[in-house]
Amino acid sequence: MADQAAELARDIEVVTRALESSRIHLTALARAEDVRELRRPTHSPLLTLIEQAEEAAARVTRYLRVKPRP
């Protein structure tokens, strides 16, 4: 069971890295579009969703790492 928790923690860390990369690229694209359109930075609901997913993935990782082992 401990092996399974460790494997799941590694899997969720892969998801976390993918979300982080997506957030960085989305932020850059949004900023570039704002500059191109000569407007103030705009709010991106997709960016908010990715940030929330990152936070959830981090909570799951912490849970799996500290989960008591039988």
C-alpha atoms as a PDB file:
ATOM      1  CA  MET A   1       0.000   0.000   0.000  1.00  0.00           C
ATOM      2  CA  ALA A   2       2.869   2.360   0.782  1.00  0.00           C
ATOM      3  CA  ASP A   3       4.342   1.668  -2.652  1.00  0.00           C
ATOM      4  CA  GLN A   4       1.044   2.578  -4.259  1.00  0.00           C
ATOM      5  CA  ALA A   5       0.857   5.884  -2.348  1.00  0.00           C
ATOM      6  CA  ALA A   6       4.427   6.734  -3.371  1.00  0.00           C
ATOM      7  CA  GLU A   7       3.649   5.917  -7.002  1.00  0.00           C
ATOM      8  CA  LEU A   8       0.509   8.038  -6.922  1.00  0.00           C
ATOM      9  CA  ALA A   9       2.475  10.900  -5.374  1.00  0.00           C
ATOM     10  CA  ARG A  10       4.993  10.721  -8.235  1.00  0.00           C
ATOM     11  CA  ASP A  11       2.157  10.676 -10.764  1.00  0.00           C
ATOM     12  CA  ILE A  12       0.492  13.734  -9.255  1.00  0.00           C
ATOM     13  CA  GLU A  13       3.850  15.542  -9.263  1.00  0.00           C
ATOM     14  CA  VAL A  14       3.967  15.012 -13.039  1.00  0.00           C
ATOM     15  CA  VAL A  15       0.516  16.581 -13.242  1.00  0.00           C
ATOM     16  CA  THR A  16       1.699  19.462 -11.065  1.00  0.00           C
ATOM     17  CA  ARG A  17       4.658  20.142 -13.370  1.00  0.00           C
ATOM     18  CA  ALA A  18       2.364  20.070 -16.422  1.00  0.00           C
ATOM     19  CA  LEU A  19      -0.008  22.515 -14.762  1.00  0.00           C
ATOM     20  CA  GLU A  20       2.861  24.805 -13.816  1.00  0.00           C
ATOM     21  CA  SER A  21       4.164  24.795 -17.372  1.00  0.00           C
ATOM     22  CA  SER A  22       0.666  25.486 -18.708  1.00  0.00           C
ATOM     23  CA  ARG A  23       0.241  28.389 -16.282  1.00  0.00           C
ATOM     24  CA  ILE A  24       3.558  29.928 -17.311  1.00  0.00           C
ATOM     25  CA  HIS A  25       2.781  29.661 -21.021  1.00  0.00           C
ATOM     26  CA  LEU A  26      -0.772  30.922 -20.619  1.00  0.00           C
ATOM     27  CA  THR A  27       0.442  33.904 -18.597  1.00  0.00           C
ATOM     28  CA  ALA A  28       2.995  34.773 -21.273  1.00  0.00           C
ATOM     29  CA  LEU A  29       0.408  34.485 -24.035  1.00  0.00           C
ATOM     30  CA  ALA A  30      -2.090  36.632 -22.133  1.00  0.00           C
ATOM     31  CA  ARG A  31       0.521  39.317 -21.452  1.00  0.00           C
ATOM     32  CA  ALA A  32       1.626  39.331 -25.076  1.00  0.00           C
ATOM     33  CA  GLU A  33      -1.959  39.726 -26.240  1.00  0.00           C
ATOM     34  CA  ASP A  34      -2.561  42.546 -23.764  1.00  0.00           C
ATOM     35  CA  VAL A  35       0.555  44.360 -24.991  1.00  0.00           C
ATOM     36  CA  ARG A  36      -0.363  43.795 -28.623  1.00  0.00           C
ATOM     37  CA  GLU A  37      -3.827  45.217 -28.020  1.00  0.00           C
ATOM     38  CA  LEU A  38      -2.381  48.068 -25.898  1.00  0.00           C
ATOM     39  CA  ARG A  39      -4.658  47.274 -22.982  1.00  0.00           C
ATOM     40  CA  ARG A  40      -4.323  46.736 -19.273  1.00  0.00           C
ATOM     41  CA  PRO A  41      -3.727  43.178 -18.065  1.00  0.00           C
ATOM     42  CA  THR A  42      -6.969  41.212 -18.225  1.00  0.00           C
ATOM     43  CA  HIS A  43      -8.299  38.472 -15.991  1.00  0.00           C
ATOM     44  CA  SER A  44      -8.137  34.956 -17.405  1.00  0.00           C
ATOM     45  CA  PRO A  45     -10.650  32.440 -16.048  1.00  0.00           C
ATOM     46  CA  LEU A  46      -8.554  29.640 -17.556  1.00  0.00           C
ATOM     47  CA  LEU A  47      -5.477  30.863 -15.682  1.00  0.00           C
ATOM     48  CA  THR A  48      -7.499  30.904 -12.458  1.00  0.00           C
ATOM     49  CA  LEU A  49      -8.646  27.343 -13.112  1.00  0.00           C
ATOM     50  CA  ILE A  50      -5.076  26.167 -13.706  1.00  0.00           C
ATOM     51  CA  GLU A  51      -3.898  27.866 -10.501  1.00  0.00           C
ATOM     52  CA  GLN A  52      -6.679  26.155  -8.535  1.00  0.00           C
ATOM     53  CA  ALA A  53      -5.766  22.800 -10.074  1.00  0.00           C
ATOM     54  CA  GLU A  54      -2.120  23.361  -9.086  1.00  0.00           C
ATOM     55  CA  GLU A  55      -3.165  24.023  -5.494  1.00  0.00           C
ATOM     56  CA  ALA A  56      -5.338  20.891  -5.417  1.00  0.00           C
ATOM     57  CA  ALA A  57      -2.538  18.771  -6.878  1.00  0.00           C
ATOM     58  CA  ALA A  58      -0.132  20.107  -4.244  1.00  0.00           C
ATOM     59  CA  ARG A  59      -2.594  19.187  -1.467  1.00  0.00           C
ATOM     60  CA  VAL A  60      -2.965  15.668  -2.868  1.00  0.00           C
ATOM     61  CA  THR A  61       0.816  15.285  -3.091  1.00  0.00           C
ATOM     62  CA  ARG A  62       1.248  16.401   0.529  1.00  0.00           C
ATOM     63  CA  TYR A  63      -1.470  13.993   1.641  1.00  0.00           C
ATOM     64  CA  LEU A  64       0.110  11.078  -0.194  1.00  0.00           C
ATOM     65  CA  ARG A  65       3.585  11.902   1.153  1.00  0.00           C
ATOM     66  CA  VAL A  66       2.549  12.110   4.815  1.00  0.00           C
ATOM     67  CA  LYS A  67      -0.091   9.375   4.725  1.00  0.00           C
ATOM     68  CA  PRO A  68       0.573   6.944   7.573  1.00  0.00           C
ATOM     69  CA  ARG A  69       1.964   3.678   6.370  1.00  0.00           C
ATOM     70  CA  PRO A  70       0.585   0.444   7.843  1.00  0.00           C
END
